[in-house]
Amino acid sequence: MVEWGMYEEINRLKSKKNALIPILHIIQERYGYIPENVVDILSKELNLSKAEVWGVITFYSDFRLEPPGRHIIKVCRSEACLAMGGQILQEHIKNKLGIGFGQTTNDGMFTLEDIYCFGNCACAPSVMVDGKLYGRAFPERIDAIIESILRKGVKGNGK
């Protein structure tokens, strides 16, 4: 699964202190997730145990072990967003998509992730869709965003 160019990236960074996390970010940026066979490769190349590599991958919520959906929805679960209706929003999105946090819809269209603070507390509740931050993201607004994505997908303009 890992292509030759990835080995060049690993070799370029492996001599740097704490190279594992930057390398994992590069791999995820390229593939959208961390392929399982990367653990063996990084373990050997960085002289780390497989447990150390797995530990870093599973500790940081930014890393994924499965390919994500074409559109990623991140929902803030911090106190400020919860106080402004975030719990209702979370349940609404889960019900609308039919998935929980860390899951992808069966059609591969959406992945739902939880985040603990975007730093957008004054505009709570906050949601990020495909890297764009939305404040005051109440259910009606999220419905409109999701419907817009679905319309574009039907027209062939989706990812």
C-alpha atoms as a PDB file:
ATOM      1  CA  MET A   1       0.000   0.000   0.000  1.00  0.00           C
ATOM      2  CA  VAL A   2       2.761   2.474   0.825  1.00  0.00           C
ATOM      3  CA  GLU A   3       4.345   3.836  -2.320  1.00  0.00           C
ATOM      4  CA  TRP A   4       8.025   4.414  -2.958  1.00  0.00           C
ATOM      5  CA  GLY A   5       7.808   8.192  -2.475  1.00  0.00           C
ATOM      6  CA  MET A   6       6.654   7.620   1.088  1.00  0.00           C
ATOM      7  CA  TYR A   7       9.919   5.845   1.899  1.00  0.00           C
ATOM      8  CA  GLU A   8      11.765   8.923   0.675  1.00  0.00           C
ATOM      9  CA  GLU A   9       9.695  11.087   3.045  1.00  0.00           C
ATOM     10  CA  ILE A  10      10.404   8.736   5.942  1.00  0.00           C
ATOM     11  CA  ASN A  11      14.141   8.688   5.173  1.00  0.00           C
ATOM     12  CA  ARG A  12      14.200  12.479   4.931  1.00  0.00           C
ATOM     13  CA  LEU A  13      12.662  12.924   8.392  1.00  0.00           C
ATOM     14  CA  LYS A  14      13.697   9.848  10.378  1.00  0.00           C
ATOM     15  CA  SER A  15      16.944  11.339  11.685  1.00  0.00           C
ATOM     16  CA  LYS A  16      15.087  14.246  13.285  1.00  0.00           C
ATOM     17  CA  LYS A  17      14.112  14.055  16.936  1.00  0.00           C
ATOM     18  CA  ASN A  18      10.493  12.966  17.467  1.00  0.00           C
ATOM     19  CA  ALA A  19      10.012  12.258  13.767  1.00  0.00           C
ATOM     20  CA  LEU A  20       7.096   9.873  14.221  1.00  0.00           C
ATOM     21  CA  ILE A  21       4.300  12.434  14.528  1.00  0.00           C
ATOM     22  CA  PRO A  22       5.351  14.570  11.519  1.00  0.00           C
ATOM     23  CA  ILE A  23       5.751  11.394   9.445  1.00  0.00           C
ATOM     24  CA  LEU A  24       2.300  10.166  10.493  1.00  0.00           C
ATOM     25  CA  HIS A  25       0.801  13.517   9.482  1.00  0.00           C
ATOM     26  CA  ILE A  26       2.450  13.269   6.051  1.00  0.00           C
ATOM     27  CA  ILE A  27       1.167   9.731   5.582  1.00  0.00           C
ATOM     28  CA  GLN A  28      -2.357  10.681   6.616  1.00  0.00           C
ATOM     29  CA  GLU A  29      -2.309  13.736   4.365  1.00  0.00           C
ATOM     30  CA  ARG A  30      -1.347  11.547   1.424  1.00  0.00           C
ATOM     31  CA  TYR A  31      -3.715   8.616   2.041  1.00  0.00           C
ATOM     32  CA  GLY A  32      -6.435  10.211   4.187  1.00  0.00           C
ATOM     33  CA  TYR A  33      -5.681   7.731   6.975  1.00  0.00           C
ATOM     34  CA  ILE A  34      -2.846   5.639   8.426  1.00  0.00           C
ATOM     35  CA  PRO A  35      -2.722   2.287   6.574  1.00  0.00           C
ATOM     36  CA  GLU A  36      -2.096  -0.619   8.949  1.00  0.00           C
ATOM     37  CA  ASN A  37       1.043  -1.800   7.127  1.00  0.00           C
ATOM     38  CA  VAL A  38       2.690   1.557   7.917  1.00  0.00           C
ATOM     39  CA  VAL A  39       3.120   0.479  11.536  1.00  0.00           C
ATOM     40  CA  ASP A  40       5.606  -2.259  10.589  1.00  0.00           C
ATOM     41  CA  ILE A  41       7.470   0.073   8.236  1.00  0.00           C
ATOM     42  CA  LEU A  42       7.748   2.909  10.755  1.00  0.00           C
ATOM     43  CA  SER A  43       8.704   0.534  13.523  1.00  0.00           C
ATOM     44  CA  LYS A  44      11.677  -0.705  11.495  1.00  0.00           C
ATOM     45  CA  GLU A  45      12.673   2.622   9.958  1.00  0.00           C
ATOM     46  CA  LEU A  46      12.487   4.615  13.210  1.00  0.00           C
ATOM     47  CA  ASN A  47      13.793   1.848  15.465  1.00  0.00           C
ATOM     48  CA  LEU A  48      10.628   1.898  17.570  1.00  0.00           C
ATOM     49  CA  SER A  49       8.491  -0.948  18.817  1.00  0.00           C
ATOM     50  CA  LYS A  50       5.183  -1.569  17.082  1.00  0.00           C
ATOM     51  CA  ALA A  51       3.517  -0.779  20.404  1.00  0.00           C
ATOM     52  CA  GLU A  52       5.142   2.676  20.446  1.00  0.00           C
ATOM     53  CA  VAL A  53       3.907   3.449  16.933  1.00  0.00           C
ATOM     54  CA  TRP A  54       0.399   2.120  17.681  1.00  0.00           C
ATOM     55  CA  GLY A  55       0.399   4.077  20.935  1.00  0.00           C
ATOM     56  CA  VAL A  56       0.973   7.375  19.146  1.00  0.00           C
ATOM     57  CA  ILE A  57      -1.555   6.618  16.397  1.00  0.00           C
ATOM     58  CA  THR A  58      -4.282   5.650  18.834  1.00  0.00           C
ATOM     59  CA  PHE A  59      -3.535   8.383  21.396  1.00  0.00           C
ATOM     60  CA  TYR A  60      -3.975  11.330  19.036  1.00  0.00           C
ATOM     61  CA  SER A  61      -7.517  11.763  17.790  1.00  0.00           C
ATOM     62  CA  ASP A  62      -6.282  13.424  14.582  1.00  0.00           C
ATOM     63  CA  PHE A  63      -5.055  10.107  13.214  1.00  0.00           C
ATOM     64  CA  ARG A  64      -7.462   7.757  11.442  1.00  0.00           C
ATOM     65  CA  LEU A  65      -7.027   4.032  10.886  1.00  0.00           C
ATOM     66  CA  GLU A  66      -9.669   3.780   8.164  1.00  0.00           C
ATOM     67  CA  PRO A  67     -10.329   5.861   5.057  1.00  0.00           C
ATOM     68  CA  PRO A  68     -12.615   8.786   5.863  1.00  0.00           C
ATOM     69  CA  GLY A  69     -15.738   9.790   3.989  1.00  0.00           C
ATOM     70  CA  ARG A  70     -15.509  12.298   1.173  1.00  0.00           C
ATOM     71  CA  HIS A  71     -16.747  14.998   3.567  1.00  0.00           C
ATOM     72  CA  ILE A  72     -15.634  15.315   7.179  1.00  0.00           C
ATOM     73  CA  ILE A  73     -17.885  16.894   9.778  1.00  0.00           C
ATOM     74  CA  LYS A  74     -16.209  17.781  13.075  1.00  0.00           C
ATOM     75  CA  VAL A  75     -18.434  18.745  15.999  1.00  0.00           C
ATOM     76  CA  CYS A  76     -17.169  20.619  19.053  1.00  0.00           C
ATOM     77  CA  ARG A  77     -17.978  18.845  22.315  1.00  0.00           C
ATOM     78  CA  SER A  78     -16.452  21.370  24.721  1.00  0.00           C
ATOM     79  CA  GLU A  79     -18.355  23.010  27.554  1.00  0.00           C
ATOM     80  CA  ALA A  80     -19.106  26.297  25.775  1.00  0.00           C
ATOM     81  CA  CYS A  81     -20.653  24.553  22.791  1.00  0.00           C
ATOM     82  CA  LEU A  82     -22.572  22.133  24.998  1.00  0.00           C
ATOM     83  CA  ALA A  83     -23.980  25.056  27.000  1.00  0.00           C
ATOM     84  CA  MET A  84     -25.228  26.674  23.781  1.00  0.00           C
ATOM     85  CA  GLY A  85     -27.116  23.669  22.443  1.00  0.00           C
ATOM     86  CA  GLY A  86     -24.241  21.482  21.333  1.00  0.00           C
ATOM     87  CA  GLN A  87     -25.728  18.300  22.786  1.00  0.00           C
ATOM     88  CA  ILE A  88     -28.917  18.759  20.759  1.00  0.00           C
ATOM     89  CA  LEU A  89     -26.801  19.521  17.676  1.00  0.00           C
ATOM     90  CA  GLN A  90     -24.675  16.400  18.177  1.00  0.00           C
ATOM     91  CA  GLU A  91     -27.725  14.168  18.439  1.00  0.00           C
ATOM     92  CA  HIS A  92     -29.319  15.851  15.429  1.00  0.00           C
ATOM     93  CA  ILE A  93     -26.271  15.263  13.226  1.00  0.00           C
ATOM     94  CA  LYS A  94     -25.884  11.658  14.408  1.00  0.00           C
ATOM     95  CA  ASN A  95     -29.543  10.965  13.654  1.00  0.00           C
ATOM     96  CA  LYS A  96     -29.445  12.741  10.280  1.00  0.00           C
ATOM     97  CA  LEU A  97     -26.384  10.810   9.120  1.00  0.00           C
ATOM     98  CA  GLY A  98     -27.225   7.582  10.936  1.00  0.00           C
ATOM     99  CA  ILE A  99     -23.736   7.287  12.413  1.00  0.00           C
ATOM    100  CA  GLY A 100     -21.873   8.042  15.626  1.00  0.00           C
ATOM    101  CA  PHE A 101     -18.595   9.811  16.242  1.00  0.00           C
ATOM    102  CA  GLY A 102     -15.676   8.113  14.521  1.00  0.00           C
ATOM    103  CA  GLN A 103     -17.916   6.494  11.923  1.00  0.00           C
ATOM    104  CA  THR A 104     -18.508   6.934   8.203  1.00  0.00           C
ATOM    105  CA  THR A 105     -21.818   6.677   6.402  1.00  0.00           C
ATOM    106  CA  ASN A 106     -22.357   3.491   4.378  1.00  0.00           C
ATOM    107  CA  ASP A 107     -22.152   5.424   1.117  1.00  0.00           C
ATOM    108  CA  GLY A 108     -18.756   6.856   2.114  1.00  0.00           C
ATOM    109  CA  MET A 109     -20.075  10.396   1.850  1.00  0.00           C
ATOM    110  CA  PHE A 110     -19.618  11.641   5.452  1.00  0.00           C
ATOM    111  CA  THR A 111     -17.355  10.939   8.415  1.00  0.00           C
ATOM    112  CA  LEU A 112     -18.373  12.346  11.799  1.00  0.00           C
ATOM    113  CA  GLU A 113     -15.637  13.331  14.254  1.00  0.00           C
ATOM    114  CA  ASP A 114     -15.666  14.996  17.650  1.00  0.00           C
ATOM    115  CA  ILE A 115     -13.326  17.798  18.627  1.00  0.00           C
ATOM    116  CA  TYR A 116     -12.798  19.405  22.018  1.00  0.00           C
ATOM    117  CA  CYS A 117     -12.686  23.100  21.136  1.00  0.00           C
ATOM    118  CA  PHE A 118     -12.139  25.037  17.942  1.00  0.00           C
ATOM    119  CA  GLY A 119     -11.505  28.220  19.929  1.00  0.00           C
ATOM    120  CA  ASN A 120     -14.738  29.643  18.521  1.00  0.00           C
ATOM    121  CA  CYS A 121     -16.605  29.717  21.843  1.00  0.00           C
ATOM    122  CA  ALA A 122     -18.244  33.103  21.316  1.00  0.00           C
ATOM    123  CA  CYS A 123     -20.099  31.654  18.327  1.00  0.00           C
ATOM    124  CA  ALA A 124     -21.061  28.334  19.901  1.00  0.00           C
ATOM    125  CA  PRO A 125     -22.036  25.729  18.967  1.00  0.00           C
ATOM    126  CA  SER A 126     -19.332  25.219  16.368  1.00  0.00           C
ATOM    127  CA  VAL A 127     -18.904  22.683  13.601  1.00  0.00           C
ATOM    128  CA  MET A 128     -16.262  22.258  10.928  1.00  0.00           C
ATOM    129  CA  VAL A 129     -17.223  20.817   7.558  1.00  0.00           C
ATOM    130  CA  ASP A 130     -14.422  19.997   5.123  1.00  0.00           C
ATOM    131  CA  GLY A 131     -12.088  22.379   6.934  1.00  0.00           C
ATOM    132  CA  LYS A 132     -14.520  25.326   7.024  1.00  0.00           C
ATOM    133  CA  LEU A 133     -15.573  26.470  10.500  1.00  0.00           C
ATOM    134  CA  TYR A 134     -19.224  27.313  11.157  1.00  0.00           C
ATOM    135  CA  GLY A 135     -20.328  29.123  14.295  1.00  0.00           C
ATOM    136  CA  ARG A 136     -23.881  29.224  15.597  1.00  0.00           C
ATOM    137  CA  ALA A 137     -24.262  25.878  13.873  1.00  0.00           C
ATOM    138  CA  PHE A 138     -27.769  24.993  14.907  1.00  0.00           C
ATOM    139  CA  PRO A 139     -29.563  21.985  13.371  1.00  0.00           C
ATOM    140  CA  GLU A 140     -31.237  23.979  10.584  1.00  0.00           C
ATOM    141  CA  ARG A 141     -27.918  25.438   9.456  1.00  0.00           C
ATOM    142  CA  ILE A 142     -26.213  22.041   9.463  1.00  0.00           C
ATOM    143  CA  ASP A 143     -29.129  20.553   7.514  1.00  0.00           C
ATOM    144  CA  ALA A 144     -28.645  23.233   4.855  1.00  0.00           C
ATOM    145  CA  ILE A 145     -24.897  22.536   4.660  1.00  0.00           C
ATOM    146  CA  ILE A 146     -25.410  18.774   4.348  1.00  0.00           C
ATOM    147  CA  GLU A 147     -28.161  19.230   1.743  1.00  0.00           C
ATOM    148  CA  SER A 148     -25.882  21.539  -0.247  1.00  0.00           C
ATOM    149  CA  ILE A 149     -23.138  18.916  -0.248  1.00  0.00           C
ATOM    150  CA  LEU A 150     -25.593  16.231  -1.334  1.00  0.00           C
ATOM    151  CA  ARG A 151     -26.950  18.423  -4.159  1.00  0.00           C
ATOM    152  CA  LYS A 152     -23.442  19.054  -5.449  1.00  0.00           C
ATOM    153  CA  GLY A 153     -22.726  15.326  -5.286  1.00  0.00           C
ATOM    154  CA  VAL A 154     -25.835  14.563  -7.331  1.00  0.00           C
ATOM    155  CA  LYS A 155     -24.695  17.052  -9.981  1.00  0.00           C
ATOM    156  CA  GLY A 156     -21.290  15.406 -10.120  1.00  0.00           C
ATOM    157  CA  ASN A 157     -19.470  18.300  -8.473  1.00  0.00           C
ATOM    158  CA  GLY A 158     -18.768  16.458  -5.235  1.00  0.00           C
ATOM    159  CA  LYS A 159     -15.411  15.045  -4.250  1.00  0.00           C
END
